[in-house]
Amino acid sequence: MDEFKVGDTVQILAGPMRHSVGTVVYVYEAEKTYLVRVGASMQQYYKPDEIRLFQP
């Protein structure tokens, strides 16, 4: 799992938070997912194909 690392700013591509921008805060190797935090209290796990690096 080399796609993203903790601290990367990513854009969410799927689900109810689609188009939101957040920060990768944890890499869950066993499940092959990334925990992305949006704002102060919203966070969710995403698969690599559900997020991409944010390009302003």
N, C-alpha and C. Protein backbone atom coordinates (compact mmCIF):
# COMPACT_ATOMS: atom_id res chain seq x y z
N MET A 1 0.85 -1.19 0.00
CA MET A 1 0.00 0.00 0.00
C MET A 1 0.88 1.24 0.00
N ASP A 2 1.23 1.67 -1.18
CA ASP A 2 2.13 2.82 -1.32
C ASP A 2 1.43 4.04 -1.90
N GLU A 3 0.12 3.93 -2.18
CA GLU A 3 -0.56 5.01 -2.88
C GLU A 3 -0.55 6.32 -2.10
N PHE A 4 -0.84 6.24 -0.80
CA PHE A 4 -0.95 7.43 0.04
C PHE A 4 -0.20 7.20 1.35
N LYS A 5 0.13 8.29 2.02
CA LYS A 5 0.78 8.19 3.33
C LYS A 5 0.11 9.16 4.28
N VAL A 6 0.33 8.96 5.56
CA VAL A 6 -0.23 9.83 6.59
C VAL A 6 0.23 11.27 6.30
N GLY A 7 -0.74 12.17 6.33
CA GLY A 7 -0.46 13.58 6.06
C GLY A 7 -0.83 14.03 4.66
N ASP A 8 -1.06 13.09 3.74
CA ASP A 8 -1.46 13.46 2.38
C ASP A 8 -2.84 14.10 2.38
N THR A 9 -3.01 15.13 1.56
CA THR A 9 -4.32 15.74 1.35
C THR A 9 -4.95 15.05 0.16
N VAL A 10 -6.16 14.52 0.37
CA VAL A 10 -6.83 13.74 -0.67
C VAL A 10 -8.24 14.25 -0.92
N GLN A 11 -8.73 13.96 -2.11
CA GLN A 11 -10.13 14.25 -2.46
C GLN A 11 -10.87 12.93 -2.49
N ILE A 12 -12.06 12.91 -1.90
CA ILE A 12 -12.88 11.72 -1.82
C ILE A 12 -13.69 11.60 -3.11
N LEU A 13 -13.69 10.40 -3.70
CA LEU A 13 -14.34 10.18 -4.98
C LEU A 13 -15.64 9.40 -4.89
N ALA A 14 -15.97 8.85 -3.72
CA ALA A 14 -17.15 7.98 -3.59
C ALA A 14 -17.87 8.24 -2.28
N GLY A 15 -19.12 7.83 -2.24
CA GLY A 15 -19.91 7.91 -1.02
C GLY A 15 -20.47 9.28 -0.73
N PRO A 16 -21.05 9.44 0.46
CA PRO A 16 -21.72 10.70 0.81
C PRO A 16 -20.77 11.89 0.96
N MET A 17 -19.50 11.63 1.16
CA MET A 17 -18.52 12.72 1.29
C MET A 17 -17.82 13.02 -0.04
N ARG A 18 -18.38 12.52 -1.14
CA ARG A 18 -17.80 12.72 -2.46
C ARG A 18 -17.49 14.19 -2.70
N HIS A 19 -16.35 14.46 -3.29
CA HIS A 19 -15.84 15.80 -3.62
C HIS A 19 -15.24 16.52 -2.41
N SER A 20 -15.37 15.98 -1.21
CA SER A 20 -14.76 16.61 -0.03
C SER A 20 -13.25 16.39 -0.06
N VAL A 21 -12.55 17.26 0.65
CA VAL A 21 -11.10 17.17 0.75
C VAL A 21 -10.76 16.90 2.21
N GLY A 22 -9.85 15.95 2.43
CA GLY A 22 -9.47 15.60 3.79
C GLY A 22 -8.00 15.19 3.85
N THR A 23 -7.60 14.72 5.02
CA THR A 23 -6.22 14.33 5.28
C THR A 23 -6.16 12.87 5.71
N VAL A 24 -5.23 12.13 5.13
CA VAL A 24 -5.01 10.75 5.56
C VAL A 24 -4.39 10.78 6.95
N VAL A 25 -5.04 10.12 7.93
CA VAL A 25 -4.54 10.14 9.30
C VAL A 25 -4.09 8.76 9.77
N TYR A 26 -4.41 7.70 9.01
CA TYR A 26 -4.01 6.35 9.41
C TYR A 26 -4.08 5.44 8.19
N VAL A 27 -3.11 4.53 8.09
CA VAL A 27 -3.08 3.53 7.04
C VAL A 27 -3.36 2.18 7.71
N TYR A 28 -4.48 1.55 7.35
CA TYR A 28 -4.88 0.26 7.92
C TYR A 28 -4.45 -0.84 6.95
N GLU A 29 -3.23 -1.33 7.14
CA GLU A 29 -2.63 -2.30 6.23
C GLU A 29 -3.46 -3.57 6.08
N ALA A 30 -3.97 -4.11 7.18
CA ALA A 30 -4.70 -5.38 7.16
C ALA A 30 -5.94 -5.32 6.27
N GLU A 31 -6.62 -4.19 6.27
CA GLU A 31 -7.85 -4.02 5.47
C GLU A 31 -7.60 -3.30 4.15
N LYS A 32 -6.36 -2.86 3.95
CA LYS A 32 -5.99 -2.11 2.75
C LYS A 32 -6.87 -0.88 2.55
N THR A 33 -7.03 -0.11 3.63
CA THR A 33 -7.82 1.12 3.57
C THR A 33 -7.06 2.26 4.24
N TYR A 34 -7.56 3.47 4.01
CA TYR A 34 -6.98 4.68 4.58
C TYR A 34 -8.04 5.40 5.38
N LEU A 35 -7.69 5.85 6.58
CA LEU A 35 -8.60 6.65 7.38
C LEU A 35 -8.39 8.11 7.00
N VAL A 36 -9.46 8.73 6.51
CA VAL A 36 -9.39 10.12 6.04
C VAL A 36 -10.24 10.98 6.96
N ARG A 37 -9.66 12.06 7.47
CA ARG A 37 -10.39 13.00 8.32
C ARG A 37 -10.75 14.24 7.53
N VAL A 38 -12.03 14.60 7.62
CA VAL A 38 -12.55 15.81 6.97
C VAL A 38 -13.07 16.70 8.09
N GLY A 39 -12.49 17.87 8.23
CA GLY A 39 -12.91 18.76 9.31
C GLY A 39 -12.40 18.26 10.66
N ALA A 40 -13.05 18.73 11.72
CA ALA A 40 -12.59 18.41 13.06
C ALA A 40 -13.08 17.07 13.59
N SER A 41 -14.24 16.61 13.10
CA SER A 41 -14.80 15.41 13.73
C SER A 41 -15.26 14.32 12.77
N MET A 42 -15.22 14.53 11.48
CA MET A 42 -15.70 13.54 10.52
C MET A 42 -14.52 12.75 9.97
N GLN A 43 -14.56 11.42 10.09
CA GLN A 43 -13.53 10.59 9.50
C GLN A 43 -14.12 9.26 9.08
N GLN A 44 -13.52 8.66 8.05
CA GLN A 44 -14.03 7.41 7.51
C GLN A 44 -12.91 6.70 6.76
N TYR A 45 -13.01 5.36 6.67
CA TYR A 45 -12.04 4.57 5.93
C TYR A 45 -12.42 4.51 4.46
N TYR A 46 -11.41 4.61 3.58
CA TYR A 46 -11.61 4.55 2.14
C TYR A 46 -10.59 3.61 1.52
N LYS A 47 -11.01 2.91 0.46
CA LYS A 47 -10.11 2.09 -0.32
C LYS A 47 -9.32 3.01 -1.25
N PRO A 48 -8.17 2.53 -1.74
CA PRO A 48 -7.34 3.39 -2.60
C PRO A 48 -8.05 3.94 -3.83
N ASP A 49 -9.01 3.20 -4.39
CA ASP A 49 -9.69 3.69 -5.59
C ASP A 49 -10.83 4.66 -5.27
N GLU A 50 -11.07 4.94 -3.99
CA GLU A 50 -12.12 5.86 -3.59
C GLU A 50 -11.60 7.26 -3.25
N ILE A 51 -10.26 7.43 -3.30
CA ILE A 51 -9.65 8.72 -3.02
C ILE A 51 -8.52 8.97 -4.03
N ARG A 52 -8.15 10.24 -4.16
CA ARG A 52 -6.99 10.59 -4.99
C ARG A 52 -6.30 11.79 -4.35
N LEU A 53 -5.03 11.98 -4.70
CA LEU A 53 -4.32 13.14 -4.18
C LEU A 53 -5.03 14.41 -4.64
N PHE A 54 -5.17 15.35 -3.73
CA PHE A 54 -5.86 16.61 -4.04
C PHE A 54 -4.98 17.47 -4.94
N GLN A 55 -5.56 17.95 -6.02
CA GLN A 55 -4.90 18.86 -6.95
C GLN A 55 -5.67 20.18 -6.96
N PRO A 56 -5.17 21.21 -6.26
CA PRO A 56 -5.90 22.47 -6.20
C PRO A 56 -6.04 23.15 -7.55
